[in-house]
């Protein structure tokens, strides 16, 4: 039996409506319905409250439901990515400051490009954790990569080599990510 079915069975065994449960939890009836139909899953705090409310252990409530386990694992990975995103974003600002002041241009350019590539990859992983990417969203990624590449080449041609090189590096990382996604087609 799946998580949603367990919730629904527990509710009906107690002769409760979705509206009554929603009122007790201070949420909408649609949220209860969404949990029971497994369109969304409750957060860990709500899981504990549901377990107490229905007098079902968490073990029984979650047992043999790979969808719920996967949801909880994704939340854990997503939370662990937040510090990485903050550090990469901050180092991008530092990179841009040093780049505009002309200090250590070649070293900073190289490190900044690596940082931008890493940031794109981390954000890509985070997006994949939130939802399965569709083919159309990946095509949009590819088009954005091609647009950045063309813009980067154009900037290089009009002697804005630093910014142009950065955009070309970011676009190549974006296109490599697209190629990787196409070859693996599964995260």
N, C-alpha and C. Protein backbone atom coordinates (compact mmCIF):
# COMPACT_ATOMS: atom_id res chain seq x y z
N UNK A 1 0.85 -1.18 0.00
CA UNK A 1 0.00 0.00 0.00
C UNK A 1 0.90 1.24 0.00
N UNK A 2 0.50 2.24 -0.77
CA UNK A 2 1.28 3.47 -0.87
C UNK A 2 0.92 4.46 0.22
N UNK A 3 1.78 5.47 0.35
CA UNK A 3 1.62 6.50 1.38
C UNK A 3 0.25 7.15 1.33
N UNK A 4 -0.18 7.59 0.15
CA UNK A 4 -1.46 8.26 0.01
C UNK A 4 -2.63 7.37 0.41
N UNK A 5 -2.54 6.09 0.03
CA UNK A 5 -3.59 5.14 0.41
C UNK A 5 -3.63 4.95 1.92
N UNK A 6 -2.46 4.91 2.56
CA UNK A 6 -2.42 4.76 4.02
C UNK A 6 -3.09 5.95 4.70
N UNK A 7 -2.79 7.17 4.19
CA UNK A 7 -3.41 8.37 4.75
C UNK A 7 -4.93 8.32 4.61
N UNK A 8 -5.37 7.97 3.42
CA UNK A 8 -6.81 7.94 3.15
C UNK A 8 -7.50 6.88 4.01
N UNK A 9 -6.90 5.69 4.10
CA UNK A 9 -7.49 4.63 4.92
C UNK A 9 -7.58 5.03 6.38
N UNK A 10 -6.51 5.66 6.89
CA UNK A 10 -6.51 6.09 8.30
C UNK A 10 -7.60 7.13 8.53
N UNK A 11 -7.76 8.04 7.59
CA UNK A 11 -8.79 9.08 7.72
C UNK A 11 -10.19 8.48 7.69
N UNK A 12 -10.43 7.58 6.75
CA UNK A 12 -11.77 7.00 6.62
C UNK A 12 -12.09 6.06 7.78
N UNK A 13 -11.08 5.37 8.32
CA UNK A 13 -11.30 4.50 9.48
C UNK A 13 -11.74 5.32 10.70
N UNK A 14 -11.29 6.56 10.77
CA UNK A 14 -11.67 7.44 11.88
C UNK A 14 -12.93 8.24 11.55
N UNK A 15 -13.55 7.93 10.39
CA UNK A 15 -14.77 8.60 9.93
C UNK A 15 -14.59 10.13 9.85
N UNK A 16 -13.48 10.53 9.28
CA UNK A 16 -13.19 11.95 9.13
C UNK A 16 -13.22 12.34 7.66
N UNK A 17 -13.60 13.56 7.40
CA UNK A 17 -13.55 14.08 6.03
C UNK A 17 -12.21 14.79 5.84
N UNK A 18 -11.88 15.02 4.59
CA UNK A 18 -10.67 15.79 4.30
C UNK A 18 -10.77 17.19 4.90
N UNK A 19 -11.96 17.75 4.88
CA UNK A 19 -12.19 19.09 5.43
C UNK A 19 -11.90 19.12 6.93
N UNK A 20 -12.35 18.09 7.66
CA UNK A 20 -12.12 18.04 9.10
C UNK A 20 -10.63 17.94 9.43
N UNK A 21 -9.94 17.09 8.71
CA UNK A 21 -8.49 16.94 8.93
C UNK A 21 -7.78 18.25 8.59
N UNK A 22 -8.16 18.85 7.48
CA UNK A 22 -7.54 20.11 7.06
C UNK A 22 -7.73 21.19 8.12
N UNK A 23 -8.91 21.27 8.68
CA UNK A 23 -9.18 22.26 9.74
C UNK A 23 -8.32 22.00 10.98
N UNK A 24 -8.15 20.73 11.32
CA UNK A 24 -7.33 20.38 12.49
C UNK A 24 -5.85 20.72 12.27
N UNK A 25 -5.43 20.68 11.01
CA UNK A 25 -4.02 20.96 10.68
C UNK A 25 -3.79 22.39 10.21
N UNK A 26 -4.88 23.17 10.13
CA UNK A 26 -4.81 24.56 9.65
C UNK A 26 -4.23 24.65 8.23
N UNK A 27 -4.69 23.74 7.37
CA UNK A 27 -4.31 23.75 5.96
C UNK A 27 -5.58 23.59 5.14
N UNK A 28 -5.45 23.60 3.82
CA UNK A 28 -6.63 23.49 2.96
C UNK A 28 -6.99 22.02 2.73
N UNK A 29 -8.24 21.81 2.36
CA UNK A 29 -8.70 20.47 2.02
C UNK A 29 -7.94 19.96 0.80
N UNK A 30 -7.59 20.87 -0.12
CA UNK A 30 -6.86 20.49 -1.32
C UNK A 30 -5.49 19.92 -0.98
N UNK A 31 -4.88 20.43 0.07
CA UNK A 31 -3.58 19.91 0.49
C UNK A 31 -3.72 18.47 0.95
N UNK A 32 -4.75 18.19 1.74
CA UNK A 32 -5.00 16.81 2.19
C UNK A 32 -5.23 15.91 0.97
N UNK A 33 -6.05 16.38 0.04
CA UNK A 33 -6.33 15.62 -1.17
C UNK A 33 -5.04 15.37 -1.96
N UNK A 34 -4.21 16.38 -2.06
CA UNK A 34 -2.95 16.26 -2.79
C UNK A 34 -2.03 15.23 -2.15
N UNK A 35 -2.01 15.18 -0.82
CA UNK A 35 -1.22 14.17 -0.12
C UNK A 35 -1.77 12.78 -0.36
N UNK A 36 -3.10 12.65 -0.28
CA UNK A 36 -3.73 11.34 -0.45
C UNK A 36 -3.60 10.83 -1.88
N UNK A 37 -3.55 11.74 -2.85
CA UNK A 37 -3.39 11.34 -4.25
C UNK A 37 -1.93 11.32 -4.68
N UNK A 38 -1.04 11.62 -3.74
CA UNK A 38 0.41 11.62 -3.94
C UNK A 38 0.87 12.57 -5.04
N UNK A 39 0.14 13.69 -5.17
CA UNK A 39 0.61 14.74 -6.07
C UNK A 39 1.72 15.54 -5.40
N UNK A 40 1.62 15.69 -4.08
CA UNK A 40 2.67 16.30 -3.27
C UNK A 40 2.81 15.46 -2.01
N UNK A 41 3.86 15.74 -1.27
CA UNK A 41 4.09 15.04 -0.01
C UNK A 41 4.22 16.07 1.11
N UNK A 42 3.81 15.69 2.31
CA UNK A 42 3.97 16.61 3.45
C UNK A 42 5.43 16.71 3.85
N UNK A 43 5.78 17.83 4.49
CA UNK A 43 7.14 17.96 5.02
C UNK A 43 7.26 17.09 6.27
N UNK A 44 8.47 16.99 6.80
CA UNK A 44 8.71 16.08 7.91
C UNK A 44 7.91 16.45 9.15
N UNK A 45 7.74 17.75 9.41
CA UNK A 45 6.95 18.16 10.58
C UNK A 45 5.50 17.72 10.43
N UNK A 46 4.95 17.87 9.25
CA UNK A 46 3.57 17.43 9.01
C UNK A 46 3.45 15.91 9.07
N UNK A 47 4.48 15.20 8.63
CA UNK A 47 4.47 13.74 8.72
C UNK A 47 4.36 13.29 10.18
N UNK A 48 5.11 13.94 11.04
CA UNK A 48 5.06 13.58 12.47
C UNK A 48 3.68 13.87 13.03
N UNK A 49 3.11 15.03 12.66
CA UNK A 49 1.76 15.38 13.14
C UNK A 49 0.73 14.38 12.62
N UNK A 50 0.86 13.97 11.35
CA UNK A 50 -0.07 12.99 10.79
C UNK A 50 0.05 11.66 11.52
N UNK A 51 1.26 11.27 11.82
CA UNK A 51 1.49 10.02 12.54
C UNK A 51 0.80 10.05 13.90
N UNK A 52 0.95 11.14 14.62
CA UNK A 52 0.29 11.28 15.93
C UNK A 52 -1.22 11.36 15.78
N UNK A 53 -1.69 12.11 14.80
CA UNK A 53 -3.12 12.34 14.60
C UNK A 53 -3.85 11.04 14.29
N UNK A 54 -3.27 10.23 13.41
CA UNK A 54 -3.92 8.99 13.00
C UNK A 54 -3.50 7.79 13.87
N UNK A 55 -2.61 8.01 14.83
CA UNK A 55 -2.11 6.95 15.71
C UNK A 55 -1.46 5.82 14.91
N UNK A 56 -0.60 6.25 13.96
CA UNK A 56 0.14 5.31 13.12
C UNK A 56 1.62 5.67 13.27
N UNK A 57 2.46 4.66 13.43
CA UNK A 57 3.89 4.95 13.54
C UNK A 57 4.42 5.46 12.18
N UNK A 58 5.46 6.26 12.25
CA UNK A 58 6.07 6.76 11.01
C UNK A 58 6.56 5.61 10.14
N UNK A 59 7.06 4.56 10.77
CA UNK A 59 7.54 3.40 10.03
C UNK A 59 6.43 2.80 9.18
N UNK A 60 5.28 2.62 9.77
CA UNK A 60 4.13 2.05 9.03
C UNK A 60 3.66 3.03 7.97
N UNK A 61 3.62 4.30 8.31
CA UNK A 61 3.13 5.31 7.38
C UNK A 61 4.00 5.40 6.13
N UNK A 62 5.31 5.26 6.29
CA UNK A 62 6.24 5.43 5.17
C UNK A 62 6.68 4.12 4.53
N UNK A 63 6.37 3.01 5.15
CA UNK A 63 6.87 1.72 4.70
C UNK A 63 6.51 1.44 3.24
N UNK A 64 7.48 0.94 2.51
CA UNK A 64 7.33 0.48 1.13
C UNK A 64 6.84 1.56 0.17
N UNK A 65 7.06 2.81 0.49
CA UNK A 65 6.68 3.87 -0.45
C UNK A 65 7.94 4.56 -0.95
N UNK A 66 8.38 4.13 -2.12
CA UNK A 66 9.62 4.68 -2.68
C UNK A 66 9.47 6.15 -3.06
N UNK A 67 8.27 6.56 -3.44
CA UNK A 67 8.05 7.96 -3.82
C UNK A 67 8.30 8.91 -2.65
N UNK A 68 7.80 8.56 -1.49
CA UNK A 68 7.98 9.39 -0.30
C UNK A 68 9.44 9.38 0.15
N UNK A 69 10.07 8.21 0.12
CA UNK A 69 11.48 8.13 0.50
C UNK A 69 12.34 8.98 -0.45
N UNK A 70 12.04 8.90 -1.73
CA UNK A 70 12.78 9.70 -2.71
C UNK A 70 12.57 11.18 -2.47
N UNK A 71 11.35 11.57 -2.16
CA UNK A 71 11.04 12.97 -1.86
C UNK A 71 11.87 13.47 -0.68
N UNK A 72 11.92 12.68 0.39
CA UNK A 72 12.67 13.08 1.58
C UNK A 72 14.17 13.14 1.30
N UNK A 73 14.68 12.19 0.49
CA UNK A 73 16.10 12.21 0.13
C UNK A 73 16.43 13.44 -0.70
N UNK A 74 15.56 13.81 -1.63
CA UNK A 74 15.78 14.99 -2.46
C UNK A 74 15.83 16.25 -1.61
N UNK A 75 14.93 16.34 -0.63
CA UNK A 75 14.91 17.50 0.26
C UNK A 75 16.24 17.61 1.01
N UNK A 76 16.78 16.48 1.45
CA UNK A 76 18.05 16.49 2.17
C UNK A 76 19.18 16.96 1.27
N UNK A 77 19.25 16.45 0.06
CA UNK A 77 20.30 16.85 -0.89
C UNK A 77 20.14 18.32 -1.24
N UNK A 78 18.90 18.74 -1.45
CA UNK A 78 18.64 20.15 -1.82
C UNK A 78 19.13 21.09 -0.72
N UNK A 79 18.88 20.74 0.54
CA UNK A 79 19.34 21.58 1.64
C UNK A 79 20.86 21.62 1.70
N UNK A 80 21.51 20.52 1.37
CA UNK A 80 22.97 20.49 1.43
C UNK A 80 23.60 21.31 0.30
N UNK A 81 22.86 21.58 -0.77
CA UNK A 81 23.38 22.38 -1.88
C UNK A 81 23.35 23.88 -1.59
N UNK A 82 22.52 24.33 -0.67
CA UNK A 82 22.36 25.77 -0.41
C UNK A 82 23.68 26.44 -0.03
N UNK A 83 24.48 25.90 0.90
CA UNK A 83 25.75 26.57 1.20
C UNK A 83 26.69 26.65 -0.01
N UNK A 84 26.68 25.62 -0.84
CA UNK A 84 27.52 25.63 -2.03
C UNK A 84 27.10 26.74 -2.98
N UNK A 85 25.81 26.91 -3.16
CA UNK A 85 25.31 27.97 -4.03
C UNK A 85 25.70 29.34 -3.49
N UNK A 86 25.58 29.52 -2.19
CA UNK A 86 25.94 30.81 -1.58
C UNK A 86 27.43 31.10 -1.77
N UNK A 87 28.27 30.10 -1.52
CA UNK A 87 29.72 30.29 -1.66
C UNK A 87 30.08 30.59 -3.11
N UNK A 88 29.51 29.84 -4.05
CA UNK A 88 29.81 30.07 -5.46
C UNK A 88 29.32 31.44 -5.91
N UNK A 89 28.14 31.83 -5.46
CA UNK A 89 27.62 33.16 -5.83
C UNK A 89 28.49 34.27 -5.28
N UNK A 90 28.91 34.14 -4.02
CA UNK A 90 29.77 35.17 -3.42
C UNK A 90 31.11 35.25 -4.13
N UNK A 91 31.66 34.09 -4.48
CA UNK A 91 32.95 34.13 -5.18
C UNK A 91 32.80 34.70 -6.58
N UNK A 92 31.63 34.58 -7.19
CA UNK A 92 31.40 35.23 -8.48
C UNK A 92 31.46 36.75 -8.35
N UNK A 93 30.88 37.29 -7.27
CA UNK A 93 30.94 38.74 -7.06
C UNK A 93 32.37 39.20 -6.82
N UNK A 94 33.13 38.42 -6.03
CA UNK A 94 34.53 38.76 -5.80
C UNK A 94 35.30 38.72 -7.12
N UNK A 95 35.03 37.69 -7.90
CA UNK A 95 35.66 37.55 -9.22
C UNK A 95 35.37 38.78 -10.08
N UNK A 96 34.13 39.21 -10.14
CA UNK A 96 33.79 40.37 -10.97
C UNK A 96 34.46 41.64 -10.46
N UNK A 97 34.60 41.78 -9.14
CA UNK A 97 35.27 42.96 -8.58
C UNK A 97 36.73 43.00 -9.03
N UNK A 98 37.43 41.89 -8.85
CA UNK A 98 38.85 41.87 -9.24
C UNK A 98 39.03 41.99 -10.75
N UNK A 99 38.08 41.43 -11.49
CA UNK A 99 38.16 41.52 -12.94
C UNK A 99 38.03 42.96 -13.42
N UNK A 100 37.14 43.71 -12.82
CA UNK A 100 36.94 45.10 -13.23
C UNK A 100 38.07 46.01 -12.77
N UNK A 101 38.77 45.63 -11.70
CA UNK A 101 39.88 46.46 -11.23
C UNK A 101 41.19 46.12 -11.93
N UNK A 102 41.21 45.03 -12.69
CA UNK A 102 42.40 44.69 -13.46
C UNK A 102 43.46 43.93 -12.69
N UNK A 103 43.18 43.48 -11.47
CA UNK A 103 44.16 42.77 -10.67
C UNK A 103 44.13 41.28 -11.03
N UNK A 104 45.25 40.72 -11.34
CA UNK A 104 45.40 39.29 -11.62
C UNK A 104 44.42 38.81 -12.70
N UNK A 105 44.29 39.53 -13.79
CA UNK A 105 43.26 39.25 -14.80
C UNK A 105 43.23 37.79 -15.26
N UNK A 106 44.34 37.24 -15.66
CA UNK A 106 44.33 35.89 -16.23
C UNK A 106 43.97 34.83 -15.20
N UNK A 107 44.52 34.94 -14.01
CA UNK A 107 44.21 33.95 -12.96
C UNK A 107 42.75 34.07 -12.55
N UNK A 108 42.30 35.29 -12.35
CA UNK A 108 40.92 35.51 -11.93
C UNK A 108 39.95 35.05 -13.02
N UNK A 109 40.28 35.32 -14.28
CA UNK A 109 39.43 34.90 -15.39
C UNK A 109 39.28 33.38 -15.40
N UNK A 110 40.38 32.68 -15.23
CA UNK A 110 40.34 31.22 -15.22
C UNK A 110 39.51 30.71 -14.04
N UNK A 111 39.78 31.22 -12.84
CA UNK A 111 39.04 30.78 -11.66
C UNK A 111 37.55 31.15 -11.75
N UNK A 112 37.27 32.32 -12.29
CA UNK A 112 35.88 32.74 -12.43
C UNK A 112 35.11 31.86 -13.40
N UNK A 113 35.77 31.47 -14.48
CA UNK A 113 35.12 30.59 -15.44
C UNK A 113 34.83 29.23 -14.81
N UNK A 114 35.81 28.69 -14.08
CA UNK A 114 35.58 27.43 -13.38
C UNK A 114 34.44 27.55 -12.37
N UNK A 115 34.40 28.67 -11.69
CA UNK A 115 33.35 28.91 -10.71
C UNK A 115 31.98 28.99 -11.38
N UNK A 116 31.90 29.68 -12.50
CA UNK A 116 30.63 29.80 -13.21
C UNK A 116 30.15 28.43 -13.69
N UNK A 117 31.08 27.62 -14.16
CA UNK A 117 30.72 26.26 -14.60
C UNK A 117 30.19 25.45 -13.41
N UNK A 118 30.88 25.54 -12.28
CA UNK A 118 30.44 24.81 -11.09
C UNK A 118 29.07 25.28 -10.63
N UNK A 119 28.84 26.58 -10.66
CA UNK A 119 27.56 27.13 -10.24
C UNK A 119 26.44 26.65 -11.15
N UNK A 120 26.67 26.62 -12.43
CA UNK A 120 25.66 26.12 -13.38
C UNK A 120 25.34 24.66 -13.07
N UNK A 121 26.36 23.87 -12.79
CA UNK A 121 26.14 22.46 -12.50
C UNK A 121 25.34 22.26 -11.21
N UNK A 122 25.68 23.02 -10.17
CA UNK A 122 24.96 22.90 -8.90
C UNK A 122 23.50 23.31 -9.07
N UNK A 123 23.27 24.41 -9.77
CA UNK A 123 21.89 24.84 -10.01
C UNK A 123 21.14 23.84 -10.86
N UNK A 124 21.82 23.22 -11.81
CA UNK A 124 21.21 22.20 -12.64
C UNK A 124 20.78 21.00 -11.79
N UNK A 125 21.63 20.59 -10.88
CA UNK A 125 21.29 19.47 -9.99
C UNK A 125 20.09 19.84 -9.13
N UNK A 126 20.10 21.06 -8.62
CA UNK A 126 19.00 21.50 -7.76
C UNK A 126 17.69 21.52 -8.54
N UNK A 127 17.71 21.98 -9.78
CA UNK A 127 16.49 21.98 -10.59
C UNK A 127 16.01 20.56 -10.86
N UNK A 128 16.93 19.66 -11.11
CA UNK A 128 16.54 18.27 -11.36
C UNK A 128 15.94 17.63 -10.13
N UNK A 129 16.42 18.03 -8.96
CA UNK A 129 15.85 17.47 -7.74
C UNK A 129 14.42 17.95 -7.52
N UNK A 130 14.14 19.16 -7.93
CA UNK A 130 12.79 19.71 -7.71
C UNK A 130 11.77 19.06 -8.63
N UNK A 131 12.15 18.80 -9.86
CA UNK A 131 11.21 18.16 -10.78
C UNK A 131 11.98 17.54 -11.92
N UNK A 132 11.32 16.63 -12.60
CA UNK A 132 11.92 16.00 -13.76
C UNK A 132 11.90 17.01 -14.90
N UNK A 133 13.06 17.21 -15.50
CA UNK A 133 13.13 18.18 -16.58
C UNK A 133 12.49 17.59 -17.83
N UNK A 134 11.72 18.38 -18.49
CA UNK A 134 11.11 17.92 -19.72
C UNK A 134 12.05 18.20 -20.88
N UNK A 135 11.76 17.58 -22.00
CA UNK A 135 12.59 17.77 -23.18
C UNK A 135 12.57 19.23 -23.60
N UNK A 136 11.41 19.88 -23.53
CA UNK A 136 11.33 21.27 -23.96
C UNK A 136 12.17 22.19 -23.08
N UNK A 137 12.23 21.94 -21.78
CA UNK A 137 13.05 22.79 -20.92
C UNK A 137 14.53 22.58 -21.22
N UNK A 138 14.92 21.38 -21.61
CA UNK A 138 16.30 21.14 -21.99
C UNK A 138 16.64 21.81 -23.32
N UNK A 139 15.68 21.89 -24.20
CA UNK A 139 15.93 22.61 -25.45
C UNK A 139 16.09 24.10 -25.19
N UNK A 140 15.33 24.61 -24.23
CA UNK A 140 15.48 26.01 -23.85
C UNK A 140 16.88 26.23 -23.28
N UNK A 141 17.36 25.29 -22.45
CA UNK A 141 18.73 25.37 -21.93
C UNK A 141 19.75 25.42 -23.07
N UNK A 142 19.55 24.57 -24.05
CA UNK A 142 20.48 24.54 -25.18
C UNK A 142 20.44 25.86 -25.95
N UNK A 143 19.25 26.38 -26.18
CA UNK A 143 19.14 27.67 -26.89
C UNK A 143 19.79 28.80 -26.11
N UNK A 144 19.63 28.80 -24.78
CA UNK A 144 20.29 29.81 -23.95
C UNK A 144 21.80 29.68 -24.06
N UNK A 145 22.29 28.45 -24.06
CA UNK A 145 23.73 28.21 -24.21
C UNK A 145 24.24 28.72 -25.54
N UNK A 146 23.49 28.44 -26.60
CA UNK A 146 23.90 28.93 -27.93
C UNK A 146 23.86 30.45 -27.99
N UNK A 147 22.84 31.05 -27.36
CA UNK A 147 22.75 32.51 -27.32
C UNK A 147 23.92 33.13 -26.59
N UNK A 148 24.28 32.55 -25.45
CA UNK A 148 25.44 33.04 -24.69
C UNK A 148 26.73 32.88 -25.50
N UNK A 149 26.84 31.78 -26.23
CA UNK A 149 28.02 31.55 -27.05
C UNK A 149 28.15 32.62 -28.14
N UNK A 150 27.05 32.88 -28.82
CA UNK A 150 27.06 33.90 -29.88
C UNK A 150 27.36 35.28 -29.30
N UNK A 151 26.74 35.60 -28.17
CA UNK A 151 27.01 36.88 -27.52
C UNK A 151 28.47 36.98 -27.09
N UNK A 152 29.01 35.90 -26.55
CA UNK A 152 30.42 35.89 -26.13
C UNK A 152 31.36 36.10 -27.29
N UNK A 153 31.12 35.40 -28.40
CA UNK A 153 31.97 35.57 -29.61
C UNK A 153 31.85 37.00 -30.12
N UNK A 154 30.64 37.53 -30.12
CA UNK A 154 30.44 38.92 -30.57
C UNK A 154 31.22 39.90 -29.70
N UNK A 155 31.20 39.70 -28.40
CA UNK A 155 31.95 40.59 -27.50
C UNK A 155 33.45 40.46 -27.71
N UNK A 156 33.92 39.26 -27.98
CA UNK A 156 35.35 39.08 -28.26
C UNK A 156 35.73 39.83 -29.53
N UNK A 157 34.87 39.76 -30.54
CA UNK A 157 35.15 40.43 -31.82
C UNK A 157 35.18 41.95 -31.70
N UNK A 158 34.45 42.51 -30.72
CA UNK A 158 34.48 43.97 -30.56
C UNK A 158 35.38 44.39 -29.40
N UNK A 159 36.38 43.52 -29.10
CA UNK A 159 37.43 43.79 -28.13
C UNK A 159 36.96 43.87 -26.67
N UNK A 160 35.93 43.18 -26.33
CA UNK A 160 35.54 42.98 -24.93
C UNK A 160 35.88 41.52 -24.60
N UNK A 161 37.18 41.24 -24.67
CA UNK A 161 37.63 39.85 -24.59
C UNK A 161 37.32 39.17 -23.26
N UNK A 162 37.46 39.90 -22.17
CA UNK A 162 37.26 39.28 -20.86
C UNK A 162 35.81 38.81 -20.69
N UNK A 163 34.87 39.70 -20.88
CA UNK A 163 33.47 39.34 -20.73
C UNK A 163 33.06 38.32 -21.79
N UNK A 164 33.55 38.48 -23.00
CA UNK A 164 33.25 37.53 -24.07
C UNK A 164 33.74 36.13 -23.74
N UNK A 165 34.95 36.04 -23.18
CA UNK A 165 35.51 34.74 -22.81
C UNK A 165 34.69 34.09 -21.71
N UNK A 166 34.26 34.89 -20.75
CA UNK A 166 33.43 34.35 -19.66
C UNK A 166 32.14 33.77 -20.22
N UNK A 167 31.48 34.53 -21.10
CA UNK A 167 30.21 34.05 -21.66
C UNK A 167 30.41 32.80 -22.50
N UNK A 168 31.49 32.73 -23.26
CA UNK A 168 31.77 31.53 -24.04
C UNK A 168 31.98 30.34 -23.11
N UNK A 169 32.73 30.54 -22.01
CA UNK A 169 32.96 29.46 -21.05
C UNK A 169 31.67 28.98 -20.41
N UNK A 170 30.82 29.91 -20.01
CA UNK A 170 29.55 29.54 -19.41
C UNK A 170 28.67 28.81 -20.42
N UNK A 171 28.66 29.28 -21.66
CA UNK A 171 27.82 28.64 -22.67
C UNK A 171 28.31 27.22 -22.97
N UNK A 172 29.61 27.03 -22.99
CA UNK A 172 30.14 25.69 -23.23
C UNK A 172 29.75 24.77 -22.08
N UNK A 173 29.82 25.26 -20.85
CA UNK A 173 29.39 24.45 -19.70
C UNK A 173 27.91 24.10 -19.83
N UNK A 174 27.11 25.07 -20.24
CA UNK A 174 25.67 24.84 -20.41
C UNK A 174 25.43 23.78 -21.48
N UNK A 175 26.13 23.87 -22.59
CA UNK A 175 25.93 22.91 -23.68
C UNK A 175 26.45 21.53 -23.30
N UNK A 176 27.55 21.46 -22.53
CA UNK A 176 28.04 20.17 -22.06
C UNK A 176 27.03 19.52 -21.12
N UNK A 177 26.40 20.33 -20.28
CA UNK A 177 25.38 19.82 -19.39
C UNK A 177 24.20 19.26 -20.19
N UNK A 178 23.83 19.94 -21.27
CA UNK A 178 22.75 19.47 -22.13
C UNK A 178 23.13 18.14 -22.77
N UNK A 179 24.35 18.04 -23.27
CA UNK A 179 24.82 16.80 -23.90
C UNK A 179 24.84 15.67 -22.88
N UNK A 180 25.32 15.98 -21.66
CA UNK A 180 25.34 14.98 -20.61
C UNK A 180 23.93 14.50 -20.30
N UNK A 181 22.98 15.42 -20.21
CA UNK A 181 21.60 15.05 -19.93
C UNK A 181 21.05 14.16 -21.04
N UNK A 182 21.35 14.51 -22.29
CA UNK A 182 20.83 13.73 -23.42
C UNK A 182 21.41 12.32 -23.43
N UNK A 183 22.69 12.18 -23.08
CA UNK A 183 23.30 10.86 -23.13
C UNK A 183 22.88 9.98 -21.96
N UNK A 184 22.65 10.58 -20.81
CA UNK A 184 22.23 9.77 -19.65
C UNK A 184 20.72 9.67 -19.56
N UNK A 185 20.01 10.73 -19.92
CA UNK A 185 18.54 10.85 -19.92
C UNK A 185 17.89 10.45 -18.60
N UNK A 186 18.70 10.32 -17.56
CA UNK A 186 18.17 10.03 -16.24
C UNK A 186 19.18 10.52 -15.24
N UNK A 187 18.68 11.17 -14.18
CA UNK A 187 19.58 11.70 -13.17
C UNK A 187 20.06 10.63 -12.25
